[in-house]
Amino acid sequence: MTVLFKKQANYPLTNQHNQTFEATCYHYINKQEQPDIAKALYEGTLFQAHDPHTNEVTSFTYPCLYEDSQKKFLVFFIPNDTVAFEDVSATMFEGGTNDYSDYTLRFTNYVTEFYEKINILDSQLLDTEVECVKLFTHTLLQEQNQLKENTHLFFHEESGKPFIMVLSPNNQARVDYNQDLVDIVHNRIENKLHLPKGQLFHVNGKWAIDALDLA
C-alpha cells in the first residue's frame, strides 16, 4: 500500500480561536483486522476529532482506504480531489506485496459516497447496477413531481432488503429498489455492469449516465 494510505498518522488542526490540537487520521481500515476502527466509521465518528481546548467535536476529512478482505473489495476516499484519480490508480500499490487482482476496486470523492459505496459492496450487489437504478428512480420521481430541489438518492439496506433513501433539506423518504428497473438496466447494458476486477473505477451517477448513453 502507498504511503498515502499508511494505517494512521497524527496531524495538527487549528480551531476558530487559532488554537492547535492533534487529531488522529486512520488512512487505512481493514474491516476484519480493525473492527473498532471500522465500527467508528459505521457510527459516523471516524471523521471527527475532540478539541481539548473547547471540548467541542470538529468534523474533518482526509484520504482513507477501506478494505474488506473477506468480500474482497477496496474503497478509496479522496476528499475534494486532493489526489487525482489517475494518480491513485497509477500508484496505489507501489511497494506493496498484496495481490488485489480479484478485488473490486472503487474510488469516491465525498463522505456520503464513501459510506454508500461500502454499503453497496457489503451487500454484494453490483454498484454499477445500483447507480443505474438510482438514476432511473430519480427520473421516475421527477416525472411524478415527487422531487424537490437539492434532493439526493442513496442506497440503503435493512434486514437484507435494499431500498433507496430520498433525502431533501426538509424531508426524507424511502422508495423500493424496483425490480422492474433492475431488469431494464440488465437488459440494456448487461455487458457493461461487470467491470474487471483489480482495476480502479469511479462508479457514480456520471458513470451511469455514460453507460446508459443518456448524456
N, C-alpha and C. Protein backbone atom coordinates (compact mmCIF):
# COMPACT_ATOMS: atom_id res chain seq x y z
N MET A 1 0.85 -1.20 0.00
CA MET A 1 0.00 0.00 0.00
C MET A 1 0.88 1.25 0.00
N THR A 2 0.46 2.30 -0.65
CA THR A 2 1.27 3.50 -0.75
C THR A 2 1.32 4.24 0.57
N VAL A 3 2.27 5.17 0.67
CA VAL A 3 2.41 5.96 1.89
C VAL A 3 1.16 6.79 2.15
N LEU A 4 0.42 7.12 1.09
CA LEU A 4 -0.81 7.89 1.25
C LEU A 4 -1.79 7.16 2.15
N PHE A 5 -1.74 5.83 2.13
CA PHE A 5 -2.69 5.05 2.90
C PHE A 5 -2.02 4.22 3.99
N LYS A 6 -0.97 4.78 4.61
CA LYS A 6 -0.42 4.14 5.79
C LYS A 6 -1.51 4.12 6.85
N LYS A 7 -1.45 3.18 7.78
CA LYS A 7 -2.59 2.91 8.64
C LYS A 7 -3.11 4.13 9.39
N GLN A 8 -2.24 4.89 10.03
CA GLN A 8 -2.72 6.08 10.73
C GLN A 8 -1.59 7.07 10.94
N ALA A 9 -1.97 8.31 11.19
CA ALA A 9 -1.00 9.37 11.43
C ALA A 9 -1.68 10.48 12.20
N ASN A 10 -0.89 11.25 12.93
CA ASN A 10 -1.42 12.39 13.68
C ASN A 10 -1.12 13.69 12.94
N TYR A 11 -2.12 14.56 12.91
CA TYR A 11 -1.98 15.84 12.22
C TYR A 11 -2.51 16.96 13.10
N PRO A 12 -1.90 18.16 13.00
CA PRO A 12 -2.40 19.30 13.78
C PRO A 12 -3.63 19.93 13.13
N LEU A 13 -4.62 20.25 13.94
CA LEU A 13 -5.79 21.00 13.49
C LEU A 13 -5.83 22.31 14.27
N THR A 14 -6.37 23.34 13.66
CA THR A 14 -6.47 24.65 14.31
C THR A 14 -7.94 25.04 14.41
N ASN A 15 -8.38 25.40 15.63
CA ASN A 15 -9.78 25.79 15.80
C ASN A 15 -9.98 27.27 15.49
N GLN A 16 -11.21 27.75 15.66
CA GLN A 16 -11.54 29.13 15.30
C GLN A 16 -10.85 30.15 16.20
N HIS A 17 -10.32 29.70 17.33
CA HIS A 17 -9.60 30.60 18.24
C HIS A 17 -8.09 30.56 17.98
N ASN A 18 -7.72 29.93 16.86
CA ASN A 18 -6.32 29.80 16.46
C ASN A 18 -5.52 28.94 17.44
N GLN A 19 -6.20 28.02 18.10
CA GLN A 19 -5.53 27.08 18.99
C GLN A 19 -5.32 25.76 18.24
N THR A 20 -4.18 25.15 18.45
CA THR A 20 -3.84 23.93 17.73
C THR A 20 -3.98 22.71 18.62
N PHE A 21 -4.49 21.65 18.04
CA PHE A 21 -4.56 20.37 18.74
C PHE A 21 -4.33 19.25 17.74
N GLU A 22 -4.02 18.07 18.24
CA GLU A 22 -3.65 16.96 17.37
C GLU A 22 -4.83 16.02 17.15
N ALA A 23 -4.98 15.57 15.93
CA ALA A 23 -6.05 14.63 15.59
C ALA A 23 -5.44 13.41 14.90
N THR A 24 -6.01 12.25 15.18
CA THR A 24 -5.54 11.02 14.55
C THR A 24 -6.36 10.72 13.31
N CYS A 25 -5.67 10.47 12.21
CA CYS A 25 -6.32 10.13 10.95
C CYS A 25 -6.05 8.66 10.65
N TYR A 26 -7.10 7.92 10.39
CA TYR A 26 -6.97 6.50 10.07
C TYR A 26 -7.08 6.34 8.55
N HIS A 27 -5.92 6.29 7.91
CA HIS A 27 -5.89 6.29 6.45
C HIS A 27 -6.21 4.93 5.83
N TYR A 28 -6.05 3.88 6.60
CA TYR A 28 -6.32 2.54 6.08
C TYR A 28 -7.10 1.76 7.12
N ILE A 29 -8.24 1.21 6.70
CA ILE A 29 -9.11 0.47 7.61
C ILE A 29 -9.39 -0.89 7.00
N ASN A 30 -9.06 -1.93 7.73
CA ASN A 30 -9.41 -3.28 7.32
C ASN A 30 -10.52 -3.79 8.24
N LYS A 31 -11.66 -4.10 7.67
CA LYS A 31 -12.83 -4.48 8.47
C LYS A 31 -12.52 -5.65 9.39
N GLN A 32 -11.79 -6.64 8.90
CA GLN A 32 -11.52 -7.82 9.69
C GLN A 32 -10.41 -7.59 10.73
N GLU A 33 -9.41 -6.81 10.38
CA GLU A 33 -8.26 -6.62 11.27
C GLU A 33 -8.44 -5.48 12.26
N GLN A 34 -9.32 -4.52 11.93
CA GLN A 34 -9.52 -3.35 12.79
C GLN A 34 -11.01 -3.10 13.03
N PRO A 35 -11.68 -4.03 13.71
CA PRO A 35 -13.13 -3.90 13.90
C PRO A 35 -13.53 -2.65 14.66
N ASP A 36 -12.71 -2.19 15.60
CA ASP A 36 -13.05 -0.98 16.36
C ASP A 36 -13.04 0.26 15.47
N ILE A 37 -12.04 0.35 14.59
CA ILE A 37 -11.96 1.49 13.68
C ILE A 37 -13.09 1.42 12.66
N ALA A 38 -13.38 0.21 12.18
CA ALA A 38 -14.49 0.04 11.25
C ALA A 38 -15.81 0.44 11.91
N LYS A 39 -15.96 0.12 13.19
CA LYS A 39 -17.17 0.50 13.92
C LYS A 39 -17.30 2.01 14.00
N ALA A 40 -16.18 2.69 14.25
CA ALA A 40 -16.20 4.16 14.30
C ALA A 40 -16.63 4.74 12.96
N LEU A 41 -16.21 4.09 11.88
CA LEU A 41 -16.64 4.53 10.55
C LEU A 41 -18.14 4.37 10.40
N TYR A 42 -18.67 3.20 10.77
CA TYR A 42 -20.10 2.94 10.63
C TYR A 42 -20.93 3.91 11.48
N GLU A 43 -20.40 4.26 12.65
CA GLU A 43 -21.14 5.13 13.58
C GLU A 43 -20.98 6.61 13.25
N GLY A 44 -20.15 6.93 12.26
CA GLY A 44 -20.01 8.31 11.82
C GLY A 44 -19.05 9.15 12.63
N THR A 45 -18.19 8.52 13.42
CA THR A 45 -17.27 9.28 14.27
C THR A 45 -15.83 9.26 13.77
N LEU A 46 -15.57 8.52 12.70
CA LEU A 46 -14.19 8.40 12.22
C LEU A 46 -13.63 9.74 11.77
N PHE A 47 -14.45 10.55 11.14
CA PHE A 47 -14.00 11.84 10.63
C PHE A 47 -14.37 12.97 11.60
N GLN A 48 -14.14 12.71 12.88
CA GLN A 48 -14.37 13.70 13.92
C GLN A 48 -13.17 13.71 14.87
N ALA A 49 -12.91 14.87 15.46
CA ALA A 49 -11.82 15.00 16.42
C ALA A 49 -12.30 15.82 17.61
N HIS A 50 -11.87 15.43 18.79
CA HIS A 50 -12.23 16.17 20.01
C HIS A 50 -11.23 17.28 20.26
N ASP A 51 -11.72 18.49 20.38
CA ASP A 51 -10.88 19.66 20.65
C ASP A 51 -10.76 19.83 22.16
N PRO A 52 -9.59 19.56 22.75
CA PRO A 52 -9.44 19.66 24.21
C PRO A 52 -9.53 21.09 24.73
N HIS A 53 -9.33 22.08 23.86
CA HIS A 53 -9.40 23.48 24.28
C HIS A 53 -10.84 23.93 24.49
N THR A 54 -11.72 23.50 23.63
CA THR A 54 -13.12 23.96 23.68
C THR A 54 -14.09 22.85 24.07
N ASN A 55 -13.59 21.62 24.12
CA ASN A 55 -14.41 20.44 24.41
C ASN A 55 -15.47 20.21 23.33
N GLU A 56 -15.21 20.73 22.14
CA GLU A 56 -16.13 20.56 21.03
C GLU A 56 -15.62 19.47 20.08
N VAL A 57 -16.53 18.97 19.27
CA VAL A 57 -16.17 17.97 18.27
C VAL A 57 -16.06 18.65 16.91
N THR A 58 -14.93 18.45 16.27
CA THR A 58 -14.68 19.05 14.97
C THR A 58 -14.74 17.98 13.89
N SER A 59 -15.46 18.26 12.82
CA SER A 59 -15.52 17.33 11.69
C SER A 59 -14.47 17.71 10.66
N PHE A 60 -13.79 16.73 10.13
CA PHE A 60 -12.79 16.96 9.09
C PHE A 60 -12.64 15.68 8.28
N THR A 61 -12.13 15.81 7.08
CA THR A 61 -11.96 14.64 6.22
C THR A 61 -10.52 14.53 5.76
N TYR A 62 -10.16 13.34 5.32
CA TYR A 62 -8.80 13.05 4.88
C TYR A 62 -8.83 11.79 4.01
N PRO A 63 -7.82 11.58 3.19
CA PRO A 63 -7.79 10.37 2.36
C PRO A 63 -7.86 9.11 3.20
N CYS A 64 -8.66 8.17 2.74
CA CYS A 64 -8.89 6.96 3.52
C CYS A 64 -9.14 5.79 2.57
N LEU A 65 -8.74 4.62 3.00
CA LEU A 65 -8.94 3.40 2.21
C LEU A 65 -9.57 2.34 3.10
N TYR A 66 -10.69 1.78 2.64
CA TYR A 66 -11.41 0.75 3.38
C TYR A 66 -11.27 -0.58 2.65
N GLU A 67 -10.91 -1.61 3.39
CA GLU A 67 -10.77 -2.94 2.79
C GLU A 67 -11.62 -3.96 3.54
N ASP A 68 -12.33 -4.76 2.78
CA ASP A 68 -13.00 -5.95 3.31
C ASP A 68 -12.31 -7.14 2.65
N SER A 69 -11.45 -7.81 3.42
CA SER A 69 -10.64 -8.88 2.83
C SER A 69 -11.43 -10.18 2.68
N GLN A 70 -12.61 -10.27 3.29
CA GLN A 70 -13.45 -11.45 3.09
C GLN A 70 -14.29 -11.32 1.82
N LYS A 71 -14.92 -10.15 1.65
CA LYS A 71 -15.75 -9.93 0.46
C LYS A 71 -14.93 -9.36 -0.70
N LYS A 72 -13.68 -9.10 -0.44
CA LYS A 72 -12.70 -8.71 -1.46
C LYS A 72 -13.09 -7.44 -2.21
N PHE A 73 -13.12 -6.35 -1.47
CA PHE A 73 -13.26 -5.05 -2.13
C PHE A 73 -12.48 -3.99 -1.38
N LEU A 74 -12.04 -2.99 -2.12
CA LEU A 74 -11.36 -1.81 -1.58
C LEU A 74 -12.12 -0.58 -2.05
N VAL A 75 -12.33 0.37 -1.12
CA VAL A 75 -12.96 1.64 -1.48
C VAL A 75 -12.04 2.77 -1.05
N PHE A 76 -11.58 3.55 -2.01
CA PHE A 76 -10.75 4.71 -1.74
C PHE A 76 -11.62 5.94 -1.54
N PHE A 77 -11.31 6.73 -0.54
CA PHE A 77 -11.99 8.01 -0.32
C PHE A 77 -10.95 9.12 -0.44
N ILE A 78 -11.08 9.94 -1.48
CA ILE A 78 -10.16 11.06 -1.71
C ILE A 78 -10.99 12.34 -1.70
N PRO A 79 -11.09 13.04 -0.57
CA PRO A 79 -11.97 14.21 -0.49
C PRO A 79 -11.49 15.36 -1.38
N ASN A 80 -12.46 15.97 -2.05
CA ASN A 80 -12.21 17.20 -2.83
C ASN A 80 -11.12 17.04 -3.88
N ASP A 81 -10.97 15.82 -4.40
CA ASP A 81 -9.96 15.59 -5.45
C ASP A 81 -8.56 16.02 -5.02
N THR A 82 -8.23 15.82 -3.72
CA THR A 82 -6.91 16.18 -3.24
C THR A 82 -5.82 15.37 -3.92
N VAL A 83 -6.18 14.19 -4.39
CA VAL A 83 -5.29 13.38 -5.21
C VAL A 83 -6.09 12.95 -6.43
N ALA A 84 -5.55 13.15 -7.59
CA ALA A 84 -6.28 12.83 -8.82
C ALA A 84 -6.52 11.33 -8.94
N PHE A 85 -7.65 10.98 -9.54
CA PHE A 85 -8.00 9.58 -9.76
C PHE A 85 -6.87 8.85 -10.49
N GLU A 86 -6.33 9.49 -11.52
CA GLU A 86 -5.27 8.86 -12.31
C GLU A 86 -4.04 8.56 -11.47
N ASP A 87 -3.72 9.48 -10.52
CA ASP A 87 -2.54 9.28 -9.68
C ASP A 87 -2.75 8.12 -8.71
N VAL A 88 -3.96 8.04 -8.14
CA VAL A 88 -4.26 6.93 -7.23
C VAL A 88 -4.19 5.62 -7.99
N SER A 89 -4.80 5.59 -9.16
CA SER A 89 -4.84 4.37 -9.97
C SER A 89 -3.43 3.91 -10.35
N ALA A 90 -2.55 4.87 -10.64
CA ALA A 90 -1.21 4.53 -11.11
C ALA A 90 -0.27 4.11 -9.98
N THR A 91 -0.50 4.64 -8.77
CA THR A 91 0.48 4.43 -7.70
C THR A 91 -0.06 3.70 -6.49
N MET A 92 -1.30 3.25 -6.51
CA MET A 92 -1.94 2.78 -5.28
C MET A 92 -1.26 1.56 -4.65
N PHE A 93 -0.59 0.75 -5.44
CA PHE A 93 0.01 -0.45 -4.87
C PHE A 93 1.53 -0.46 -4.98
N GLU A 94 2.12 0.72 -5.15
CA GLU A 94 3.58 0.78 -5.24
C GLU A 94 4.22 0.28 -3.94
N GLY A 95 5.15 -0.60 -4.08
CA GLY A 95 5.88 -1.09 -2.93
C GLY A 95 5.12 -2.12 -2.12
N GLY A 96 3.91 -2.46 -2.53
CA GLY A 96 3.11 -3.43 -1.79
C GLY A 96 3.32 -4.84 -2.30
N THR A 97 2.95 -5.81 -1.48
CA THR A 97 3.11 -7.21 -1.86
C THR A 97 1.77 -7.93 -1.97
N ASN A 98 0.68 -7.27 -1.58
CA ASN A 98 -0.63 -7.91 -1.64
C ASN A 98 -1.13 -7.99 -3.08
N ASP A 99 -1.85 -9.06 -3.35
CA ASP A 99 -2.42 -9.26 -4.68
C ASP A 99 -3.91 -8.90 -4.64
N TYR A 100 -4.27 -7.84 -5.36
CA TYR A 100 -5.67 -7.40 -5.39
C TYR A 100 -6.30 -7.65 -6.76
N SER A 101 -5.76 -8.59 -7.50
CA SER A 101 -6.24 -8.84 -8.85
C SER A 101 -7.67 -9.36 -8.89
N ASP A 102 -8.15 -9.95 -7.79
CA ASP A 102 -9.52 -10.45 -7.76
C ASP A 102 -10.42 -9.60 -6.87
N TYR A 103 -9.99 -8.36 -6.60
CA TYR A 103 -10.75 -7.43 -5.76
C TYR A 103 -11.56 -6.47 -6.63
N THR A 104 -12.70 -6.03 -6.09
CA THR A 104 -13.43 -4.90 -6.65
C THR A 104 -12.81 -3.63 -6.08
N LEU A 105 -12.36 -2.72 -6.95
CA LEU A 105 -11.66 -1.51 -6.52
C LEU A 105 -12.46 -0.28 -6.94
N ARG A 106 -12.79 0.58 -5.97
CA ARG A 106 -13.60 1.75 -6.26
C ARG A 106 -13.01 3.01 -5.67
N PHE A 107 -13.32 4.13 -6.29
CA PHE A 107 -12.82 5.46 -5.94
C PHE A 107 -14.01 6.34 -5.60
N THR A 108 -13.93 7.12 -4.51
CA THR A 108 -15.01 8.04 -4.13
C THR A 108 -14.42 9.39 -3.73
N ASN A 109 -15.25 10.45 -3.86
CA ASN A 109 -14.81 11.81 -3.55
C ASN A 109 -15.50 12.43 -2.35
N TYR A 110 -16.67 11.89 -1.98
CA TYR A 110 -17.47 12.50 -0.92
C TYR A 110 -17.73 11.51 0.20
N VAL A 111 -17.88 12.02 1.42
CA VAL A 111 -18.11 11.14 2.57
C VAL A 111 -19.35 10.29 2.35
N THR A 112 -20.45 10.92 1.90
CA THR A 112 -21.68 10.16 1.67
C THR A 112 -21.48 9.09 0.60
N GLU A 113 -20.72 9.43 -0.42
CA GLU A 113 -20.43 8.47 -1.49
C GLU A 113 -19.58 7.32 -0.96
N PHE A 114 -18.64 7.63 -0.08
CA PHE A 114 -17.77 6.62 0.54
C PHE A 114 -18.59 5.63 1.35
N TYR A 115 -19.46 6.15 2.23
CA TYR A 115 -20.32 5.28 3.04
C TYR A 115 -21.24 4.43 2.16
N GLU A 116 -21.84 5.08 1.17
CA GLU A 116 -22.78 4.37 0.32
C GLU A 116 -22.09 3.26 -0.46
N LYS A 117 -20.90 3.54 -0.97
CA LYS A 117 -20.18 2.53 -1.75
C LYS A 117 -19.86 1.31 -0.89
N ILE A 118 -19.45 1.55 0.34
CA ILE A 118 -19.18 0.43 1.26
C ILE A 118 -20.46 -0.37 1.49
N ASN A 119 -21.58 0.33 1.70
CA ASN A 119 -22.86 -0.36 1.92
C ASN A 119 -23.24 -1.23 0.73
N ILE A 120 -23.07 -0.68 -0.47
CA ILE A 120 -23.44 -1.42 -1.68
C ILE A 120 -22.59 -2.68 -1.83
N LEU A 121 -21.28 -2.52 -1.72
CA LEU A 121 -20.38 -3.66 -1.92
C LEU A 121 -20.50 -4.67 -0.79
N ASP A 122 -20.80 -4.18 0.41
CA ASP A 122 -21.01 -5.10 1.53
C ASP A 122 -22.27 -5.94 1.31
N SER A 123 -23.26 -5.36 0.64
CA SER A 123 -24.49 -6.10 0.34
C SER A 123 -24.29 -7.09 -0.80
N GLN A 124 -23.13 -6.98 -1.46
CA GLN A 124 -22.74 -7.84 -2.58
C GLN A 124 -23.63 -7.66 -3.81
N LEU A 125 -24.20 -6.46 -3.94
CA LEU A 125 -24.86 -6.08 -5.18
C LEU A 125 -23.83 -5.44 -6.11
N LEU A 126 -24.15 -5.36 -7.37
CA LEU A 126 -23.30 -4.64 -8.32
C LEU A 126 -23.53 -3.15 -8.15
N ASP A 127 -22.47 -2.41 -7.85
CA ASP A 127 -22.65 -0.96 -7.70
C ASP A 127 -22.99 -0.31 -9.04
N THR A 128 -22.57 -0.94 -10.13
CA THR A 128 -22.93 -0.44 -11.45
C THR A 128 -24.45 -0.50 -11.65
N GLU A 129 -25.03 -1.60 -11.24
CA GLU A 129 -26.49 -1.76 -11.30
C GLU A 129 -27.19 -0.74 -10.42
N VAL A 130 -26.69 -0.59 -9.20
CA VAL A 130 -27.31 0.33 -8.23
C VAL A 130 -27.33 1.75 -8.76
N GLU A 131 -26.21 2.21 -9.32
CA GLU A 131 -26.15 3.59 -9.82
C GLU A 131 -27.15 3.81 -10.96
N CYS A 132 -27.33 2.82 -11.80
CA CYS A 132 -28.29 2.94 -12.90
C CYS A 132 -29.72 2.92 -12.37
N VAL A 133 -30.00 2.07 -11.41
CA VAL A 133 -31.34 2.02 -10.81
C VAL A 133 -31.65 3.33 -10.10
N LYS A 134 -30.67 3.90 -9.41
CA LYS A 134 -30.88 5.20 -8.76
C LYS A 134 -31.20 6.27 -9.80
N LEU A 135 -30.50 6.24 -10.91
CA LEU A 135 -30.72 7.22 -11.96
C LEU A 135 -32.14 7.11 -12.52
N PHE A 136 -32.58 5.89 -12.81
CA PHE A 136 -33.94 5.69 -13.31
C PHE A 136 -34.99 6.05 -12.26
N THR A 137 -34.69 5.74 -11.00
CA THR A 137 -35.61 6.09 -9.91
C THR A 137 -35.77 7.59 -9.81
N HIS A 138 -34.66 8.30 -9.93
CA HIS A 138 -34.70 9.77 -9.90
C HIS A 138 -35.58 10.30 -11.03
N THR A 139 -35.43 9.72 -12.21
CA THR A 139 -36.23 10.16 -13.37
C THR A 139 -37.71 9.91 -13.13
N LEU A 140 -38.06 8.74 -12.59
CA LEU A 140 -39.46 8.42 -12.31
C LEU A 140 -40.07 9.37 -11.29
N LEU A 141 -39.34 9.63 -10.22
CA LEU A 141 -39.84 10.54 -9.19
C LEU A 141 -40.00 11.95 -9.74
N GLN A 142 -39.10 12.32 -10.62
CA GLN A 142 -39.18 13.65 -11.24
C GLN A 142 -40.42 13.75 -12.13
N GLU A 143 -40.69 12.70 -12.88
CA GLU A 143 -41.87 12.68 -13.74
C GLU A 143 -43.16 12.72 -12.93
N GLN A 144 -43.10 12.19 -11.71
CA GLN A 144 -44.28 12.17 -10.83
C GLN A 144 -44.34 13.40 -9.93
N ASN A 145 -43.45 14.36 -10.20
CA ASN A 145 -43.38 15.60 -9.41
C ASN A 145 -43.19 15.34 -7.92
N GLN A 146 -42.41 14.32 -7.60
CA GLN A 146 -42.16 13.98 -6.20
C GLN A 146 -40.78 14.45 -5.72
N LEU A 147 -40.06 15.13 -6.59
CA LEU A 147 -38.73 15.59 -6.21
C LEU A 147 -38.72 17.08 -5.95
N LYS A 148 -37.98 17.48 -4.92
CA LYS A 148 -37.79 18.89 -4.62
C LYS A 148 -36.36 19.26 -4.97
N GLU A 149 -36.06 20.55 -4.87
CA GLU A 149 -34.69 20.98 -5.13
C GLU A 149 -33.74 20.38 -4.10
N ASN A 150 -32.50 20.18 -4.52
CA ASN A 150 -31.46 19.65 -3.63
C ASN A 150 -31.83 18.29 -3.05
N THR A 151 -32.41 17.45 -3.88
CA THR A 151 -32.76 16.09 -3.46
C THR A 151 -31.66 15.12 -3.89
N HIS A 152 -31.32 14.22 -2.99
CA HIS A 152 -30.27 13.24 -3.28
C HIS A 152 -30.79 11.84 -2.97
N LEU A 153 -30.38 10.88 -3.78
CA LEU A 153 -30.79 9.50 -3.60
C LEU A 153 -29.60 8.66 -3.16
N PHE A 154 -29.82 7.82 -2.13
CA PHE A 154 -28.77 6.97 -1.60
C PHE A 154 -29.27 5.54 -1.42
N PHE A 155 -28.41 4.59 -1.71
CA PHE A 155 -28.73 3.19 -1.49
C PHE A 155 -28.63 2.86 -0.01
N HIS A 156 -29.58 2.08 0.48
CA HIS A 156 -29.53 1.55 1.84
C HIS A 156 -30.01 0.11 1.82
N GLU A 157 -29.71 -0.60 2.88
CA GLU A 157 -30.20 -1.96 3.04
C GLU A 157 -30.59 -2.15 4.49
N GLU A 158 -31.71 -2.79 4.72
CA GLU A 158 -32.18 -3.03 6.08
C GLU A 158 -32.76 -4.44 6.15
N SER A 159 -32.24 -5.23 7.08
CA SER A 159 -32.70 -6.62 7.23
C SER A 159 -32.61 -7.39 5.91
N GLY A 160 -31.56 -7.10 5.16
CA GLY A 160 -31.34 -7.80 3.90
C GLY A 160 -32.15 -7.30 2.74
N LYS A 161 -32.95 -6.25 2.95
CA LYS A 161 -33.79 -5.72 1.87
C LYS A 161 -33.24 -4.38 1.40
N PRO A 162 -32.87 -4.27 0.12
CA PRO A 162 -32.36 -3.00 -0.39
C PRO A 162 -33.48 -2.01 -0.66
N PHE A 163 -33.19 -0.73 -0.47
CA PHE A 163 -34.13 0.33 -0.82
C PHE A 163 -33.33 1.59 -1.12
N ILE A 164 -34.01 2.61 -1.59
CA ILE A 164 -33.36 3.87 -1.92
C ILE A 164 -33.92 4.96 -1.02
N MET A 165 -33.03 5.65 -0.32
CA MET A 165 -33.42 6.76 0.54
C MET A 165 -33.40 8.05 -0.28
N VAL A 166 -34.50 8.79 -0.22
CA VAL A 166 -34.62 10.06 -0.93
C VAL A 166 -34.54 11.18 0.09
N LEU A 167 -33.48 11.97 0.03
CA LEU A 167 -33.22 12.99 1.03
C LEU A 167 -33.27 14.38 0.42
N SER A 168 -34.00 15.28 1.09
CA SER A 168 -34.01 16.70 0.75
C SER A 168 -33.80 17.46 2.04
N PRO A 169 -33.53 18.76 2.00
CA PRO A 169 -33.24 19.52 3.22
C PRO A 169 -34.29 19.39 4.32
N ASN A 170 -35.56 19.24 3.94
CA ASN A 170 -36.62 19.21 4.95
C ASN A 170 -37.42 17.93 4.97
N ASN A 171 -36.93 16.92 4.29
CA ASN A 171 -37.74 15.70 4.22
C ASN A 171 -36.86 14.51 3.85
N GLN A 172 -37.32 13.33 4.24
CA GLN A 172 -36.69 12.11 3.79
C GLN A 172 -37.76 11.04 3.61
N ALA A 173 -37.53 10.19 2.64
CA ALA A 173 -38.47 9.11 2.36
C ALA A 173 -37.69 7.96 1.77
N ARG A 174 -38.30 6.81 1.76
CA ARG A 174 -37.66 5.66 1.13
C ARG A 174 -38.56 5.11 0.04
N VAL A 175 -37.93 4.64 -1.02
CA VAL A 175 -38.66 4.01 -2.11
C VAL A 175 -38.05 2.64 -2.37
N ASP A 176 -38.83 1.78 -2.96
CA ASP A 176 -38.37 0.42 -3.22
C ASP A 176 -37.21 0.39 -4.21
N TYR A 177 -36.37 -0.59 -4.02
CA TYR A 177 -35.35 -0.89 -5.03
C TYR A 177 -36.07 -1.71 -6.09
N ASN A 178 -36.56 -1.01 -7.10
CA ASN A 178 -37.54 -1.54 -8.05
C ASN A 178 -36.96 -2.63 -8.96
N GLN A 179 -37.52 -3.83 -8.84
CA GLN A 179 -37.01 -4.95 -9.64
C GLN A 179 -37.24 -4.73 -11.13
N ASP A 180 -38.32 -4.04 -11.48
CA ASP A 180 -38.56 -3.74 -12.90
C ASP A 180 -37.43 -2.88 -13.47
N LEU A 181 -36.96 -1.92 -12.67
CA LEU A 181 -35.85 -1.08 -13.11
C LEU A 181 -34.56 -1.88 -13.20
N VAL A 182 -34.38 -2.80 -12.26
CA VAL A 182 -33.21 -3.68 -12.30
C VAL A 182 -33.20 -4.47 -13.61
N ASP A 183 -34.35 -5.00 -13.97
CA ASP A 183 -34.45 -5.79 -15.21
C ASP A 183 -34.15 -4.92 -16.43
N ILE A 184 -34.66 -3.69 -16.43
CA ILE A 184 -34.40 -2.78 -17.55
C ILE A 184 -32.90 -2.52 -17.70
N VAL A 185 -32.25 -2.26 -16.57
CA VAL A 185 -30.81 -1.99 -16.58
C VAL A 185 -30.05 -3.17 -17.16
N HIS A 186 -30.37 -4.38 -16.70
CA HIS A 186 -29.65 -5.56 -17.18
C HIS A 186 -29.94 -5.83 -18.65
N ASN A 187 -31.16 -5.58 -19.07
CA ASN A 187 -31.49 -5.80 -20.48
C ASN A 187 -30.76 -4.82 -21.40
N ARG A 188 -30.54 -3.61 -20.89
CA ARG A 188 -29.92 -2.58 -21.73
C ARG A 188 -28.40 -2.65 -21.76
N ILE A 189 -27.79 -2.90 -20.61
CA ILE A 189 -26.32 -2.80 -20.57
C ILE A 189 -25.67 -3.93 -19.77
N GLU A 190 -26.18 -5.13 -19.89
CA GLU A 190 -25.63 -6.26 -19.15
C GLU A 190 -24.11 -6.36 -19.33
N ASN A 191 -23.63 -6.11 -20.53
CA ASN A 191 -22.19 -6.26 -20.81
C ASN A 191 -21.34 -5.19 -20.14
N LYS A 192 -21.95 -4.10 -19.66
CA LYS A 192 -21.19 -3.03 -19.02
C LYS A 192 -21.21 -3.12 -17.49
N LEU A 193 -22.06 -3.97 -16.95
CA LEU A 193 -22.26 -3.99 -15.50
C LEU A 193 -21.14 -4.70 -14.74
N HIS A 194 -20.49 -5.64 -15.40
CA HIS A 194 -19.47 -6.44 -14.72
C HIS A 194 -18.09 -5.90 -15.09
N LEU A 195 -17.61 -4.97 -14.30
CA LEU A 195 -16.31 -4.35 -14.56
C LEU A 195 -15.18 -5.28 -14.15
N PRO A 196 -14.02 -5.15 -14.78
CA PRO A 196 -12.89 -6.02 -14.46
C PRO A 196 -12.44 -5.87 -13.00
N LYS A 197 -12.08 -6.98 -12.40
CA LYS A 197 -11.51 -6.97 -11.05
C LYS A 197 -10.07 -6.45 -11.14
N GLY A 198 -9.59 -5.93 -10.02
CA GLY A 198 -8.20 -5.50 -9.96
C GLY A 198 -7.91 -4.18 -10.64
N GLN A 199 -8.95 -3.51 -11.15
CA GLN A 199 -8.79 -2.20 -11.77
C GLN A 199 -9.67 -1.19 -11.04
N LEU A 200 -9.15 0.03 -10.89
CA LEU A 200 -9.85 1.06 -10.14
C LEU A 200 -10.85 1.79 -11.02
N PHE A 201 -12.10 1.91 -10.53
CA PHE A 201 -13.15 2.61 -11.26
C PHE A 201 -13.87 3.58 -10.33
N HIS A 202 -14.33 4.69 -10.91
CA HIS A 202 -15.17 5.65 -10.18
C HIS A 202 -16.59 5.46 -10.70
N VAL A 203 -17.36 4.63 -10.01
CA VAL A 203 -18.72 4.30 -10.42
C VAL A 203 -19.69 5.19 -9.65
N ASN A 204 -20.26 6.17 -10.34
CA ASN A 204 -21.18 7.11 -9.71
C ASN A 204 -22.29 7.45 -10.70
N GLY A 205 -23.03 8.53 -10.44
CA GLY A 205 -24.11 8.91 -11.33
C GLY A 205 -23.64 9.22 -12.74
N LYS A 206 -22.48 9.87 -12.83
CA LYS A 206 -21.93 10.19 -14.15
C LYS A 206 -21.60 8.91 -14.91
N TRP A 207 -21.05 7.93 -14.19
CA TRP A 207 -20.75 6.65 -14.83
C TRP A 207 -22.03 6.04 -15.40
N ALA A 208 -23.11 6.09 -14.62
CA ALA A 208 -24.38 5.51 -15.06
C ALA A 208 -24.91 6.22 -16.30
N ILE A 209 -24.83 7.55 -16.32
CA ILE A 209 -25.29 8.32 -17.48
C ILE A 209 -24.51 7.92 -18.73
N ASP A 210 -23.19 7.81 -18.58
CA ASP A 210 -22.35 7.42 -19.72
C ASP A 210 -22.65 5.99 -20.17
N ALA A 211 -22.79 5.08 -19.20
CA ALA A 211 -23.03 3.67 -19.53
C ALA A 211 -24.36 3.47 -20.25
N LEU A 212 -25.36 4.27 -19.86
CA LEU A 212 -26.68 4.16 -20.46
C LEU A 212 -26.84 5.04 -21.71
N ASP A 213 -25.76 5.74 -22.06
CA ASP A 213 -25.77 6.64 -23.22
C ASP A 213 -26.87 7.69 -23.12
N LEU A 214 -26.97 8.30 -21.93
CA LEU A 214 -28.01 9.30 -21.69
C LEU A 214 -27.47 10.73 -21.75
N ALA A 215 -26.18 10.87 -21.97
CA ALA A 215 -25.60 12.22 -21.99
C ALA A 215 -26.05 12.99 -23.21
